Amino acid sequence: MTEPAGPIRVLLADDEAMIRAGVRLILRHAEGIEVVAEAPDGRRAAELAAAHHPDVVLLDIRMPVCDGLAAIAPLLALDPAPRVVMLSTFGDDDNVVRALREGAAGFLLKDEGPQELISAVRAAAAGDAVLSPGVTGAVISRMLTAGEPHAAGGAADDRIARLTGREREVLAMLGEGLSNQDIAARLGIGTGTVKTHVGAILDKTGTTSRVQAALLAHRAGLAL
């Protein structure tokens, strides 16, 4: 995904006006982020997203008319499709797993701090997966235990055999849940280079998201 050339355009969807006001206030003071629309339910979120073309949609799960999980598909059907990050009070494993399977870019708990919210928006806009630390381990474990379907391309060992040594290092760090920025800092390389490696990993392994790549890293024994 190409990073936005201008400010990151954000759409908020939550049925509680006070929650929307709080998130809007936090993002208003963040450099390079602009809240372009707000919606009280998932159906309205999809309508406003089609009109305003946000880069990132922060989407509550429990909403009337159309809940957040049901809104993911119509949002991702837009062209261009926004990055969808679920913003919920509850880190219920079933909801997190379903959201990721539906194509959400991540899942953030509402009790995260303002800086974590801002960082999550920026990470999502840059193409990173976003998972609250409190749910990451449980979700990966749940998806592995449930036998999350493998992407096309064969067994885990065969698929990682196509990777270079550096790509394996990056894949292992994806399995740890690290962002591009964190990977760049650990390896001493630029974030642009990390993005290139991540793109190559997805292409060579037949995975379609960073979450799928993280699961592959665990299956192949690259991440524990």
Protein backbone atom coordinates (compact mmCIF):
# COMPACT_ATOMS: atom_id res chain seq x y z
CA MET A 1 0.00 0.00 0.00
CA THR A 2 1.25 3.49 -0.87
CA GLU A 3 1.44 5.92 2.01
CA PRO A 4 -0.80 9.01 1.69
CA ALA A 5 0.94 11.95 0.02
CA GLY A 6 -0.84 14.48 2.24
CA PRO A 7 -2.43 14.28 5.69
CA ILE A 8 -3.77 10.88 6.72
CA ARG A 9 -7.53 11.08 6.24
CA VAL A 10 -9.47 9.33 9.01
CA LEU A 11 -13.13 8.37 9.33
CA LEU A 12 -14.49 7.59 12.82
CA ALA A 13 -17.40 5.20 13.29
CA ASP A 14 -18.85 4.78 16.79
CA ASP A 15 -22.42 5.02 18.04
CA GLU A 16 -21.30 6.93 21.15
CA ALA A 17 -20.88 10.65 20.41
CA MET A 18 -18.63 11.09 23.45
CA ILE A 19 -16.23 8.42 22.18
CA ARG A 20 -16.11 10.06 18.76
CA ALA A 21 -15.46 13.44 20.35
CA GLY A 22 -12.61 12.05 22.43
CA VAL A 23 -10.93 10.31 19.51
CA ARG A 24 -11.42 13.37 17.32
CA LEU A 25 -9.78 15.58 19.95
CA ILE A 26 -6.78 13.27 20.20
CA LEU A 27 -6.29 13.06 16.44
CA ARG A 28 -6.87 16.80 15.90
CA HIS A 29 -3.66 17.52 17.78
CA ALA A 30 -1.63 14.94 15.87
CA GLU A 31 0.53 16.29 13.07
CA GLY A 32 -0.36 14.97 9.63
CA ILE A 33 -3.74 13.46 10.58
CA GLU A 34 -7.14 14.83 9.59
CA VAL A 35 -10.58 13.54 10.66
CA VAL A 36 -12.73 13.90 7.53
CA ALA A 37 -16.01 12.29 8.65
CA GLU A 38 -17.84 10.61 11.54
CA ALA A 39 -20.54 7.95 11.51
CA PRO A 40 -22.86 6.49 14.19
CA ASP A 41 -23.11 3.04 12.57
CA GLY A 42 -21.44 0.76 10.05
CA ARG A 43 -23.81 1.45 7.17
CA ARG A 44 -23.30 5.20 7.42
CA ALA A 45 -19.56 4.63 7.72
CA ALA A 46 -19.52 2.87 4.35
CA GLU A 47 -21.58 5.66 2.77
CA LEU A 48 -19.32 8.39 4.14
CA ALA A 49 -16.18 6.47 3.20
CA ALA A 50 -17.38 6.32 -0.41
CA ALA A 51 -17.86 10.09 -0.36
CA HIS A 52 -14.75 11.17 1.58
CA HIS A 53 -12.15 8.54 0.60
CA PRO A 54 -10.43 8.14 3.99
CA ASP A 55 -7.07 6.42 4.26
CA VAL A 56 -7.98 4.84 7.62
CA VAL A 57 -11.36 3.95 9.16
CA LEU A 58 -11.53 3.53 12.95
CA LEU A 59 -14.50 1.25 13.39
CA ASP A 60 -16.31 0.28 16.58
CA ILE A 61 -17.74 -3.25 16.73
CA ARG A 62 -20.99 -2.84 18.65
CA MET A 63 -23.14 -0.37 16.70
CA PRO A 64 -26.82 -0.28 15.66
CA VAL A 65 -28.12 -0.73 12.08
CA CYS A 66 -24.88 -2.35 10.93
CA ASP A 67 -22.15 -3.39 13.34
CA GLY A 68 -18.47 -2.89 12.70
CA LEU A 69 -17.73 -6.48 11.69
CA ALA A 70 -20.47 -6.40 9.04
CA ALA A 71 -19.17 -3.07 7.75
CA ILE A 72 -15.67 -4.34 6.96
CA ALA A 73 -16.59 -5.97 3.62
CA PRO A 74 -18.36 -2.95 2.08
CA LEU A 75 -15.54 -0.68 3.24
CA LEU A 76 -12.89 -2.90 1.67
CA ALA A 77 -14.94 -3.12 -1.55
CA LEU A 78 -14.39 0.61 -2.13
CA ASP A 79 -11.81 1.78 -4.66
CA PRO A 80 -9.47 2.83 -3.22
CA ALA A 81 -10.14 0.77 -0.12
CA PRO A 82 -9.30 2.30 3.26
CA ARG A 83 -7.35 0.53 5.96
CA VAL A 84 -9.85 -0.61 8.59
CA VAL A 85 -8.85 -0.67 12.25
CA MET A 86 -11.34 -1.99 14.80
CA LEU A 87 -11.56 0.18 17.91
CA SER A 88 -13.33 -1.68 20.70
CA THR A 89 -13.77 -1.76 24.46
CA PHE A 90 -13.50 -5.55 24.48
CA GLY A 91 -10.58 -7.63 23.22
CA ASP A 92 -12.78 -10.69 22.73
CA ASP A 93 -10.75 -13.29 20.85
CA ASP A 94 -13.64 -14.27 18.57
CA ASN A 95 -14.22 -10.68 17.48
CA VAL A 96 -10.52 -10.03 16.91
CA VAL A 97 -10.05 -13.19 14.85
CA ARG A 98 -13.20 -12.57 12.82
CA ALA A 99 -12.19 -8.96 12.14
CA LEU A 100 -8.77 -10.05 10.87
CA ARG A 101 -10.29 -12.81 8.74
CA GLU A 102 -12.67 -10.24 7.22
CA GLY A 103 -9.68 -8.14 6.21
CA ALA A 104 -9.30 -5.57 8.98
CA ALA A 105 -5.81 -4.11 9.24
CA GLY A 106 -5.88 -4.35 13.01
CA PHE A 107 -7.63 -4.24 16.34
CA LEU A 108 -7.09 -1.55 18.96
CA LEU A 109 -8.56 -1.43 22.46
CA LYS A 110 -10.20 1.83 23.51
CA ASP A 111 -8.24 1.93 26.75
CA GLU A 112 -4.98 2.44 24.86
CA GLY A 113 -3.36 5.84 25.43
CA PRO A 114 -3.57 8.81 23.03
CA GLN A 115 -0.08 8.20 21.64
CA GLU A 116 -0.88 4.56 20.94
CA LEU A 117 -3.99 5.62 19.02
CA ILE A 118 -2.02 8.14 16.95
CA SER A 119 0.72 5.60 16.28
CA ALA A 120 -1.89 3.02 15.25
CA VAL A 121 -3.42 5.39 12.69
CA ARG A 122 0.00 6.17 11.23
CA ALA A 123 1.00 2.51 11.18
CA ALA A 124 -2.23 1.48 9.45
CA ALA A 125 -1.83 4.21 6.84
CA ALA A 126 1.72 2.98 6.18
CA GLY A 127 0.48 -0.58 5.62
CA ASP A 128 1.40 -2.06 9.00
CA ALA A 129 -0.81 -4.44 10.92
CA VAL A 130 -2.09 -2.95 14.16
CA LEU A 131 -2.84 -5.11 17.19
CA SER A 132 -3.04 -4.00 20.81
CA PRO A 133 -0.31 -5.73 22.83
CA GLY A 134 -3.01 -7.16 25.09
CA VAL A 135 -4.53 -9.21 22.28
CA THR A 136 -1.62 -10.02 19.94
CA GLY A 137 -0.36 -13.19 21.61
CA ALA A 138 -3.82 -14.55 22.29
CA VAL A 139 -4.98 -13.94 18.73
CA ILE A 140 -1.97 -15.57 17.10
CA SER A 141 -2.34 -18.56 19.44
CA ARG A 142 -6.08 -18.79 18.75
CA MET A 143 -5.64 -18.68 14.99
CA LEU A 144 -2.90 -21.29 15.09
CA THR A 145 -4.92 -23.59 17.36
CA ALA A 146 -7.97 -23.19 15.15
CA GLY A 147 -5.94 -24.24 12.14
CA GLU A 148 -6.22 -20.96 10.28
CA PRO A 149 -6.20 -21.85 6.56
CA HIS A 150 -2.86 -21.65 4.84
CA ALA A 151 -2.56 -19.34 1.89
CA ALA A 152 -1.85 -20.99 -1.43
CA GLY A 153 1.70 -22.11 -1.92
CA GLY A 154 2.36 -25.31 -0.02
CA ALA A 155 3.81 -26.22 3.37
CA ALA A 156 5.42 -23.60 5.59
CA ASP A 157 8.97 -24.89 5.11
CA ASP A 158 8.60 -24.93 1.33
CA ARG A 159 7.25 -21.40 1.26
CA ILE A 160 9.97 -19.84 3.42
CA ALA A 161 12.61 -21.67 1.36
CA ARG A 162 11.94 -19.07 -1.34
CA LEU A 163 13.06 -16.23 0.92
CA THR A 164 16.48 -14.63 1.20
CA GLY A 165 18.25 -14.61 4.55
CA ARG A 166 17.24 -11.00 5.23
CA GLU A 167 13.65 -11.73 4.25
CA ARG A 168 13.60 -14.57 6.79
CA GLU A 169 14.81 -12.16 9.45
CA VAL A 170 12.04 -9.73 8.58
CA LEU A 171 9.44 -12.53 8.54
CA ALA A 172 10.52 -13.63 12.02
CA MET A 173 10.02 -10.07 13.26
CA LEU A 174 6.60 -9.94 11.65
CA GLY A 175 5.85 -13.01 13.74
CA GLU A 176 6.79 -10.98 16.83
CA GLY A 177 4.25 -8.35 15.81
CA LEU A 178 6.85 -5.66 15.11
CA SER A 179 6.01 -2.65 12.94
CA ASN A 180 8.09 -1.59 9.94
CA GLN A 181 9.66 1.14 12.08
CA ASP A 182 10.59 -1.33 14.82
CA ILE A 183 12.05 -3.77 12.29
CA ALA A 184 14.05 -0.98 10.66
CA ALA A 185 15.48 0.08 14.01
CA ARG A 186 16.43 -3.47 14.96
CA LEU A 187 18.12 -4.21 11.65
CA GLY A 188 19.64 -0.76 11.14
CA ILE A 189 17.98 -0.21 7.76
CA GLY A 190 15.44 2.25 6.37
CA THR A 191 11.69 1.76 6.68
CA GLY A 192 11.40 1.90 2.89
CA THR A 193 13.73 -1.08 2.67
CA VAL A 194 11.63 -2.94 5.24
CA LYS A 195 8.49 -2.26 3.18
CA THR A 196 10.24 -3.70 0.13
CA HIS A 197 11.17 -6.83 2.09
CA VAL A 198 7.61 -7.21 3.44
CA GLY A 199 6.18 -6.92 -0.07
CA ALA A 200 8.61 -9.58 -1.32
CA ILE A 201 7.72 -11.86 1.60
CA LEU A 202 3.99 -11.63 0.89
CA ASP A 203 4.56 -12.27 -2.80
CA LYS A 204 6.95 -15.21 -2.39
CA THR A 205 4.99 -16.96 0.36
CA GLY A 206 1.52 -16.46 -1.10
CA THR A 207 0.31 -14.61 1.99
CA THR A 208 -2.00 -11.62 1.61
CA SER A 209 -1.46 -9.74 4.88
CA ARG A 210 1.06 -9.19 7.62
CA VAL A 211 -1.11 -11.24 9.97
CA GLN A 212 -1.00 -14.23 7.61
CA ALA A 213 2.77 -13.76 7.31
CA ALA A 214 3.07 -13.69 11.11
CA LEU A 215 1.14 -16.97 11.32
CA LEU A 216 3.46 -18.48 8.70
CA ALA A 217 6.48 -17.38 10.75
CA HIS A 218 5.09 -19.25 13.76
CA ARG A 219 4.26 -22.38 11.75
CA ALA A 220 7.77 -22.41 10.30
CA GLY A 221 9.36 -22.01 13.71
CA LEU A 222 10.83 -18.60 12.94
CA ALA A 223 8.88 -16.91 15.73
CA LEU A 224 8.05 -18.32 19.14
